[in-house]
């Protein structure tokens, strides 16, 4: 079993445990993410204002596979928790759009959210009119 599938299996089981313990339903964007993680949908599509933001599987350099391989592991750079992943679109909704500081590629759009001691960044790549594709990590 590949590292990606091992981490995806762990993520799915952690979400199932969270679901059992929760008394209230997941919010709409959380459920979109959970459906994608569980393979119910081929990609996650979030609508923020007029923008459509897609999360696809991708590969080791971009997208969901990149997030799991590079950031969903203990002690790895930009380590993410299960709930960081489930709530990833909140970084766009509640975070700050960075101008030039912290952005190393002019073709990317970067949002940063600070929650307590944690800083999350989401990187969006334009793919069309008001359409973006996503990756996420913690600083």
C-alpha atoms as a PDB file:
ATOM      1  CA  UNK A   1       0.000   0.000   0.000  1.00  0.00           C
ATOM      2  CA  UNK A   2       1.410   3.395  -0.972  1.00  0.00           C
ATOM      3  CA  UNK A   3       2.034   6.192   1.516  1.00  0.00           C
ATOM      4  CA  UNK A   4      -0.815   8.185  -0.004  1.00  0.00           C
ATOM      5  CA  UNK A   5      -3.344   5.380   0.563  1.00  0.00           C
ATOM      6  CA  UNK A   6      -2.087   4.751   4.116  1.00  0.00           C
ATOM      7  CA  UNK A   7      -2.554   8.402   5.017  1.00  0.00           C
ATOM      8  CA  UNK A   8      -5.917   8.597   3.260  1.00  0.00           C
ATOM      9  CA  UNK A   9      -7.076   5.540   5.229  1.00  0.00           C
ATOM     10  CA  UNK A  10      -5.902   7.158   8.477  1.00  0.00           C
ATOM     11  CA  UNK A  11      -7.668  10.423   7.581  1.00  0.00           C
ATOM     12  CA  UNK A  12     -10.904   8.570   6.789  1.00  0.00           C
ATOM     13  CA  UNK A  13     -10.807   6.670  10.070  1.00  0.00           C
ATOM     14  CA  UNK A  14     -10.106   9.842  12.079  1.00  0.00           C
ATOM     15  CA  UNK A  15     -13.061  11.570  10.385  1.00  0.00           C
ATOM     16  CA  UNK A  16     -15.275   8.576  11.243  1.00  0.00           C
ATOM     17  CA  UNK A  17     -14.233   8.880  14.907  1.00  0.00           C
ATOM     18  CA  UNK A  18     -14.926  12.615  14.925  1.00  0.00           C
ATOM     19  CA  UNK A  19     -18.326  11.958  13.332  1.00  0.00           C
ATOM     20  CA  UNK A  20     -19.211   9.473  16.097  1.00  0.00           C
ATOM     21  CA  UNK A  21     -18.289  11.940  18.857  1.00  0.00           C
ATOM     22  CA  UNK A  22     -19.992  14.987  17.308  1.00  0.00           C
ATOM     23  CA  UNK A  23     -23.523  15.831  18.271  1.00  0.00           C
ATOM     24  CA  UNK A  24     -24.147  18.343  15.500  1.00  0.00           C
ATOM     25  CA  UNK A  25     -23.919  17.930  11.740  1.00  0.00           C
ATOM     26  CA  UNK A  26     -20.921  19.078   9.748  1.00  0.00           C
ATOM     27  CA  UNK A  27     -21.232  22.432   7.986  1.00  0.00           C
ATOM     28  CA  UNK A  28     -21.810  22.461   4.215  1.00  0.00           C
ATOM     29  CA  UNK A  29     -18.135  23.069   3.299  1.00  0.00           C
ATOM     30  CA  UNK A  30     -16.964  20.448   5.800  1.00  0.00           C
ATOM     31  CA  UNK A  31     -19.340  17.908   4.270  1.00  0.00           C
ATOM     32  CA  UNK A  32     -18.087  18.750   0.764  1.00  0.00           C
ATOM     33  CA  UNK A  33     -14.560  18.002   1.973  1.00  0.00           C
ATOM     34  CA  UNK A  34     -15.590  14.798   3.773  1.00  0.00           C
ATOM     35  CA  UNK A  35     -17.447  13.544   0.684  1.00  0.00           C
ATOM     36  CA  UNK A  36     -14.306  14.123  -1.393  1.00  0.00           C
ATOM     37  CA  UNK A  37     -12.050  12.404   1.168  1.00  0.00           C
ATOM     38  CA  UNK A  38     -14.395   9.404   1.320  1.00  0.00           C
ATOM     39  CA  UNK A  39     -14.509   9.100  -2.482  1.00  0.00           C
ATOM     40  CA  UNK A  40     -18.170  10.089  -2.790  1.00  0.00           C
ATOM     41  CA  UNK A  41     -17.182  12.888  -5.189  1.00  0.00           C
ATOM     42  CA  UNK A  42     -14.335  13.076  -7.704  1.00  0.00           C
ATOM     43  CA  UNK A  43     -13.274  16.525  -6.471  1.00  0.00           C
ATOM     44  CA  UNK A  44     -14.274  19.085  -3.847  1.00  0.00           C
ATOM     45  CA  UNK A  45     -15.878  22.235  -5.215  1.00  0.00           C
ATOM     46  CA  UNK A  46     -16.240  25.229  -2.912  1.00  0.00           C
ATOM     47  CA  UNK A  47     -17.937  28.475  -3.856  1.00  0.00           C
ATOM     48  CA  UNK A  48     -16.589  31.591  -2.170  1.00  0.00           C
ATOM     49  CA  UNK A  49     -18.352  34.659  -3.502  1.00  0.00           C
ATOM     50  CA  UNK A  50     -18.128  34.412  -7.271  1.00  0.00           C
ATOM     51  CA  UNK A  51     -15.085  32.142  -7.180  1.00  0.00           C
ATOM     52  CA  UNK A  52     -15.174  28.399  -7.659  1.00  0.00           C
ATOM     53  CA  UNK A  53     -12.349  26.665  -5.831  1.00  0.00           C
ATOM     54  CA  UNK A  54     -11.544  23.070  -6.745  1.00  0.00           C
ATOM     55  CA  UNK A  55      -9.566  20.527  -4.791  1.00  0.00           C
ATOM     56  CA  UNK A  56      -8.552  17.543  -6.889  1.00  0.00           C
ATOM     57  CA  UNK A  57      -6.350  14.573  -6.108  1.00  0.00           C
ATOM     58  CA  UNK A  58      -3.389  16.014  -8.028  1.00  0.00           C
ATOM     59  CA  UNK A  59       0.004  14.410  -7.442  1.00  0.00           C
ATOM     60  CA  UNK A  60       2.976  14.676  -5.078  1.00  0.00           C
ATOM     61  CA  UNK A  61       3.576  18.312  -6.142  1.00  0.00           C
ATOM     62  CA  UNK A  62       0.045  19.729  -5.998  1.00  0.00           C
ATOM     63  CA  UNK A  63      -3.484  19.080  -4.809  1.00  0.00           C
ATOM     64  CA  UNK A  64      -4.833  16.667  -2.234  1.00  0.00           C
ATOM     65  CA  UNK A  65      -2.165  14.000  -2.740  1.00  0.00           C
ATOM     66  CA  UNK A  66       0.505  16.639  -2.081  1.00  0.00           C
ATOM     67  CA  UNK A  67      -1.312  17.735   1.083  1.00  0.00           C
ATOM     68  CA  UNK A  68      -1.409  14.192   2.458  1.00  0.00           C
ATOM     69  CA  UNK A  69       2.111  13.213   1.422  1.00  0.00           C
ATOM     70  CA  UNK A  70       3.874  16.394   2.541  1.00  0.00           C
ATOM     71  CA  UNK A  71       1.762  17.786   5.373  1.00  0.00           C
ATOM     72  CA  UNK A  72      -0.401  15.049   6.940  1.00  0.00           C
ATOM     73  CA  UNK A  73       2.196  13.309   9.078  1.00  0.00           C
ATOM     74  CA  UNK A  74       3.645  13.784  12.553  1.00  0.00           C
ATOM     75  CA  UNK A  75       6.604  16.156  12.517  1.00  0.00           C
ATOM     76  CA  UNK A  76       6.540  16.858   8.790  1.00  0.00           C
ATOM     77  CA  UNK A  77       6.957  20.455   7.539  1.00  0.00           C
ATOM     78  CA  UNK A  78       3.656  22.317   7.592  1.00  0.00           C
ATOM     79  CA  UNK A  79       1.989  19.530   9.586  1.00  0.00           C
ATOM     80  CA  UNK A  80      -1.814  19.514   9.310  1.00  0.00           C
ATOM     81  CA  UNK A  81      -4.426  17.957  11.573  1.00  0.00           C
ATOM     82  CA  UNK A  82      -7.539  16.161  10.376  1.00  0.00           C
ATOM     83  CA  UNK A  83      -9.692  19.193  11.211  1.00  0.00           C
ATOM     84  CA  UNK A  84      -7.255  21.531   9.407  1.00  0.00           C
ATOM     85  CA  UNK A  85      -7.955  19.512   6.266  1.00  0.00           C
ATOM     86  CA  UNK A  86     -11.717  19.294   6.821  1.00  0.00           C
ATOM     87  CA  UNK A  87     -11.871  23.081   7.407  1.00  0.00           C
ATOM     88  CA  UNK A  88      -9.388  24.095   4.698  1.00  0.00           C
ATOM     89  CA  UNK A  89     -11.740  26.440   2.832  1.00  0.00           C
ATOM     90  CA  UNK A  90     -12.064  28.540   6.011  1.00  0.00           C
ATOM     91  CA  UNK A  91      -8.567  29.849   5.292  1.00  0.00           C
ATOM     92  CA  UNK A  92      -9.960  31.551   2.170  1.00  0.00           C
ATOM     93  CA  UNK A  93     -13.172  32.667   3.850  1.00  0.00           C
ATOM     94  CA  UNK A  94     -11.624  33.975   7.077  1.00  0.00           C
ATOM     95  CA  UNK A  95      -7.989  34.468   6.171  1.00  0.00           C
ATOM     96  CA  UNK A  96      -6.029  37.327   4.679  1.00  0.00           C
ATOM     97  CA  UNK A  97      -5.092  37.433   1.011  1.00  0.00           C
ATOM     98  CA  UNK A  98      -1.337  38.009   0.796  1.00  0.00           C
ATOM     99  CA  UNK A  99      -0.005  40.541  -1.681  1.00  0.00           C
ATOM    100  CA  UNK A 100       3.709  39.857  -2.200  1.00  0.00           C
ATOM    101  CA  UNK A 101       5.012  38.848   1.231  1.00  0.00           C
ATOM    102  CA  UNK A 102       4.938  35.064   1.534  1.00  0.00           C
ATOM    103  CA  UNK A 103       4.132  34.585  -2.153  1.00  0.00           C
ATOM    104  CA  UNK A 104       6.981  33.166  -4.221  1.00  0.00           C
ATOM    105  CA  UNK A 105       5.115  32.857  -7.519  1.00  0.00           C
ATOM    106  CA  UNK A 106       3.230  35.754  -9.143  1.00  0.00           C
ATOM    107  CA  UNK A 107       0.764  33.332 -10.754  1.00  0.00           C
ATOM    108  CA  UNK A 108      -0.487  31.984  -7.412  1.00  0.00           C
ATOM    109  CA  UNK A 109      -2.974  33.446  -4.940  1.00  0.00           C
ATOM    110  CA  UNK A 110      -2.150  32.857  -1.276  1.00  0.00           C
ATOM    111  CA  UNK A 111      -4.388  33.222   1.765  1.00  0.00           C
ATOM    112  CA  UNK A 112      -3.155  32.970   5.335  1.00  0.00           C
ATOM    113  CA  UNK A 113      -5.148  32.424   8.508  1.00  0.00           C
ATOM    114  CA  UNK A 114      -3.791  32.733  12.031  1.00  0.00           C
ATOM    115  CA  UNK A 115      -5.605  30.672  14.674  1.00  0.00           C
ATOM    116  CA  UNK A 116      -3.918  30.948  18.063  1.00  0.00           C
ATOM    117  CA  UNK A 117      -0.356  29.740  17.593  1.00  0.00           C
ATOM    118  CA  UNK A 118      -1.170  28.101  14.267  1.00  0.00           C
ATOM    119  CA  UNK A 119      -0.780  29.711  10.880  1.00  0.00           C
ATOM    120  CA  UNK A 120      -2.362  28.051   7.873  1.00  0.00           C
ATOM    121  CA  UNK A 121      -1.724  28.941   4.247  1.00  0.00           C
ATOM    122  CA  UNK A 122      -3.775  27.938   1.270  1.00  0.00           C
ATOM    123  CA  UNK A 123      -2.298  28.351  -2.201  1.00  0.00           C
ATOM    124  CA  UNK A 124      -4.658  28.807  -5.143  1.00  0.00           C
ATOM    125  CA  UNK A 125      -3.747  28.591  -8.802  1.00  0.00           C
ATOM    126  CA  UNK A 126      -6.071  30.283 -11.307  1.00  0.00           C
ATOM    127  CA  UNK A 127      -7.363  27.858 -13.941  1.00  0.00           C
ATOM    128  CA  UNK A 128     -10.065  29.983 -15.583  1.00  0.00           C
ATOM    129  CA  UNK A 129     -12.498  32.830 -14.995  1.00  0.00           C
ATOM    130  CA  UNK A 130     -13.037  32.898 -11.232  1.00  0.00           C
ATOM    131  CA  UNK A 131     -11.886  29.267 -11.008  1.00  0.00           C
ATOM    132  CA  UNK A 132      -9.000  28.193  -8.815  1.00  0.00           C
ATOM    133  CA  UNK A 133      -7.335  24.944  -7.756  1.00  0.00           C
ATOM    134  CA  UNK A 134      -5.971  24.487  -4.215  1.00  0.00           C
ATOM    135  CA  UNK A 135      -3.186  23.220  -1.960  1.00  0.00           C
ATOM    136  CA  UNK A 136      -2.792  23.808   1.808  1.00  0.00           C
ATOM    137  CA  UNK A 137      -0.113  23.802   4.511  1.00  0.00           C
ATOM    138  CA  UNK A 138       0.671  25.053   8.000  1.00  0.00           C
ATOM    139  CA  UNK A 139       3.545  27.424   8.758  1.00  0.00           C
END
